[in-house]
C-alpha atoms as a PDB file:
ATOM      1  CA  CYS A   1      44.377  25.743-111.610  1.00  0.00           C
ATOM      2  CA  LEU A   2      41.814  23.413-113.191  1.00  0.00           C
ATOM      3  CA  SER A   3      38.178  24.244-112.687  1.00  0.00           C
ATOM      4  CA  PRO A   4      36.056  21.580-110.938  1.00  0.00           C
ATOM      5  CA  ASP A   5      34.120  20.760-114.131  1.00  0.00           C
ATOM      6  CA  LEU A   6      37.350  19.431-115.682  1.00  0.00           C
ATOM      7  CA  ILE A   7      37.731  16.710-113.052  1.00  0.00           C
ATOM      8  CA  PRO A   8      35.246  13.813-113.145  1.00  0.00           C
ATOM      9  CA  PRO A   9      33.341  13.359-109.859  1.00  0.00           C
ATOM     10  CA  GLY A  10      34.735  10.783-107.434  1.00  0.00           C
ATOM     11  CA  VAL A  11      38.154  10.537-109.081  1.00  0.00           C
ATOM     12  CA  CYS A  12      40.110  10.965-105.852  1.00  0.00           C
ATOM     13  CA  ASN A  13      38.323   7.944-104.343  1.00  0.00           C
ATOM     14  CA  LEU A  14      39.545   5.760-107.224  1.00  0.00           C
ATOM     15  CA  LEU A  15      43.279   6.363-106.753  1.00  0.00           C
ATOM     16  CA  ASN A  16      45.417   3.513-105.463  1.00  0.00           C
ATOM     17  CA  SER A  17      48.800   4.897-104.410  1.00  0.00           C
ATOM     18  CA  SER A  18      50.430   1.449-104.522  1.00  0.00           C
ATOM     19  CA  THR A  19      49.882   1.286-108.298  1.00  0.00           C
ATOM     20  CA  ILE A  20      51.467   4.651-109.110  1.00  0.00           C
ATOM     21  CA  TYR A  21      55.060   4.681-110.344  1.00  0.00           C
ATOM     22  CA  ALA A  22      57.376   7.302-111.791  1.00  0.00           C
ATOM     23  CA  ASN A  23      59.600   7.171-114.834  1.00  0.00           C
ATOM     24  CA  ASN A  24      62.901   8.702-113.734  1.00  0.00           C
ATOM     25  CA  GLU A  25      64.491   8.483-117.180  1.00  0.00           C
ATOM     26  CA  VAL A  26      62.581  11.368-118.765  1.00  0.00           C
ATOM     27  CA  SER A  27      64.141  14.812-118.619  1.00  0.00           C
ATOM     28  CA  LEU A  28      61.209  17.208-118.926  1.00  0.00           C
ATOM     29  CA  ALA A  29      63.686  19.991-119.751  1.00  0.00           C
ATOM     30  CA  GLU A  30      64.214  18.272-123.106  1.00  0.00           C
ATOM     31  CA  VAL A  31      60.506  17.808-123.930  1.00  0.00           C
ATOM     32  CA  ASP A  32      58.980  20.353-126.324  1.00  0.00           C
ATOM     33  CA  ILE A  33      55.530  18.836-126.793  1.00  0.00           C
ATOM     34  CA  TYR A  34      53.485  16.701-124.421  1.00  0.00           C
ATOM     35  CA  GLY A  35      50.979  14.094-125.577  1.00  0.00           C
ATOM     36  CA  PHE A  36      47.959  12.638-123.854  1.00  0.00           C
ATOM     37  CA  ASP A  37      47.589   8.877-123.514  1.00  0.00           C
ATOM     38  CA  TYR A  38      43.974   7.770-123.799  1.00  0.00           C
ATOM     39  CA  ASP A  39      44.779   4.118-123.106  1.00  0.00           C
ATOM     40  CA  TYR A  40      42.766   3.613-119.942  1.00  0.00           C
ATOM     41  CA  ASP A  41      44.715   0.459-119.032  1.00  0.00           C
ATOM     42  CA  TYR A  42      47.927   2.346-118.232  1.00  0.00           C
ATOM     43  CA  THR A  43      46.944   5.916-117.434  1.00  0.00           C
ATOM     44  CA  LEU A  44      46.873   7.689-114.078  1.00  0.00           C
ATOM     45  CA  THR A  45      43.979   9.929-115.022  1.00  0.00           C
ATOM     46  CA  LEU A  46      40.323   9.813-115.878  1.00  0.00           C
ATOM     47  CA  TYR A  47      39.270  12.298-118.525  1.00  0.00           C
ATOM     48  CA  SER A  48      36.086  14.369-118.584  1.00  0.00           C
ATOM     49  CA  ASN A  49      34.521  15.730-121.769  1.00  0.00           C
ATOM     50  CA  ALA A  50      35.369  19.281-120.680  1.00  0.00           C
ATOM     51  CA  LEU A  51      39.047  18.347-120.295  1.00  0.00           C
ATOM     52  CA  ASN A  52      39.151  16.715-123.729  1.00  0.00           C
ATOM     53  CA  THR A  53      37.725  19.895-125.255  1.00  0.00           C
ATOM     54  CA  MET A  54      40.248  22.049-123.392  1.00  0.00           C
ATOM     55  CA  ILE A  55      43.153  19.842-124.542  1.00  0.00           C
ATOM     56  CA  TYR A  56      42.023  20.048-128.170  1.00  0.00           C
ATOM     57  CA  ASN A  57      41.461  23.816-128.127  1.00  0.00           C
ATOM     58  CA  THR A  58      44.750  24.499-126.349  1.00  0.00           C
ATOM     59  CA  ALA A  59      46.742  22.325-128.759  1.00  0.00           C
ATOM     60  CA  ARG A  60      45.012  23.842-131.795  1.00  0.00           C
ATOM     61  CA  ASP A  61      45.648  27.405-130.616  1.00  0.00           C
ATOM     62  CA  PHE A  62      49.269  26.586-129.710  1.00  0.00           C
ATOM     63  CA  LEU A  63      49.922  25.230-133.212  1.00  0.00           C
ATOM     64  CA  ILE A  64      48.487  28.412-134.735  1.00  0.00           C
ATOM     65  CA  GLU A  65      50.350  30.807-132.452  1.00  0.00           C
ATOM     66  CA  HIS A  66      53.740  29.072-132.221  1.00  0.00           C
ATOM     67  CA  TYR A  67      54.083  26.840-135.288  1.00  0.00           C
ATOM     68  CA  LYS A  68      52.427  29.045-137.939  1.00  0.00           C
ATOM     69  CA  TYR A  69      49.492  26.712-138.627  1.00  0.00           C
ATOM     70  CA  PRO A  70      46.810  28.468-140.696  1.00  0.00           C
ATOM     71  CA  GLU A  71      44.442  30.705-138.734  1.00  0.00           C
ATOM     72  CA  GLY A  72      41.562  29.015-140.549  1.00  0.00           C
ATOM     73  CA  ILE A  73      41.857  25.851-138.432  1.00  0.00           C
ATOM     74  CA  ARG A  74      40.596  27.845-135.439  1.00  0.00           C
ATOM     75  CA  GLN A  75      37.087  27.296-136.835  1.00  0.00           C
ATOM     76  CA  TYR A  76      37.354  23.546-136.102  1.00  0.00           C
ATOM     77  CA  TYR A  77      36.164  22.299-132.734  1.00  0.00           C
ATOM     78  CA  TYR A  78      36.588  19.099-130.760  1.00  0.00           C
ATOM     79  CA  ILE A  79      34.240  16.280-131.818  1.00  0.00           C
ATOM     80  CA  SER A  80      33.815  13.926-128.869  1.00  0.00           C
ATOM     81  CA  ASN A  81      32.739  10.891-130.897  1.00  0.00           C
ATOM     82  CA  PHE A  82      35.589  11.089-133.415  1.00  0.00           C
ATOM     83  CA  ALA A  83      38.021   8.216-132.820  1.00  0.00           C
ATOM     84  CA  ALA A  84      41.665   9.301-132.625  1.00  0.00           C
ATOM     85  CA  GLN A  85      43.296   6.788-130.292  1.00  0.00           C
ATOM     86  CA  ASP A  86      46.870   5.836-131.150  1.00  0.00           C
ATOM     87  CA  LEU A  87      46.940   7.773-134.421  1.00  0.00           C
ATOM     88  CA  HIS A  88      50.206   9.232-135.663  1.00  0.00           C
ATOM     89  CA  TYR A  89      50.652  11.720-138.492  1.00  0.00           C
ATOM     90  CA  ASP A  90      54.037  11.783-140.240  1.00  0.00           C
ATOM     91  CA  ILE A  91      54.392  15.437-141.230  1.00  0.00           C
ATOM     92  CA  GLN A  92      57.385  14.797-143.490  1.00  0.00           C
ATOM     93  CA  LYS A  93      55.676  12.175-145.659  1.00  0.00           C
ATOM     94  CA  GLY A  94      52.037  13.147-145.078  1.00  0.00           C
ATOM     95  CA  LEU A  95      51.052   9.702-143.794  1.00  0.00           C
ATOM     96  CA  LEU A  96      48.417   8.898-141.169  1.00  0.00           C
ATOM     97  CA  MET A  97      48.890   5.587-139.342  1.00  0.00           C
ATOM     98  CA  LYS A  98      47.809   3.639-136.265  1.00  0.00           C
ATOM     99  CA  ILE A  99      50.516   2.768-133.733  1.00  0.00           C
ATOM    100  CA  ASP A 100      50.167  -0.146-131.292  1.00  0.00           C
ATOM    101  CA  ALA A 101      51.189  -0.300-127.619  1.00  0.00           C
ATOM    102  CA  PHE A 102      54.730  -1.382-128.609  1.00  0.00           C
ATOM    103  CA  HIS A 103      55.179   1.592-130.996  1.00  0.00           C
ATOM    104  CA  TYR A 104      54.878  -0.546-134.127  1.00  0.00           C
ATOM    105  CA  ILE A 105      52.814   0.536-137.118  1.00  0.00           C
ATOM    106  CA  GLN A 106      49.766  -1.711-137.336  1.00  0.00           C
ATOM    107  CA  LEU A 107      49.331  -3.519-140.657  1.00  0.00           C
ATOM    108  CA  GLN A 108      46.976  -1.959-143.219  1.00  0.00           C
ATOM    109  CA  THR A 109      46.615   1.294-141.246  1.00  0.00           C
ATOM    110  CA  VAL A 110      48.827   3.671-143.257  1.00  0.00           C
ATOM    111  CA  TYR A 111      46.982   6.242-145.375  1.00  0.00           C
END
């Protein structure tokens, strides 16, 4: 159960049930890792700073405990003003890139 400090005040008053839809084509049984969409135009949620911190810490600890990431990364904490929207890291080629809303790599964003 989420603690009340993870939910921004007044969120329930902002929901419009006529704008909520479900994607029936996703089998959650086949999903290993979930991502969080911070595009406020198409999301069903509003994020609080406490939730962002929890997401970061949980993902970091999961990578350490289940995917053998180095224990040393546990010393890194969530930085709220660090921009990370729509970034993708290709672990096979070691490339960091920005992906647009149509899943295309944006020009001049591959490092």
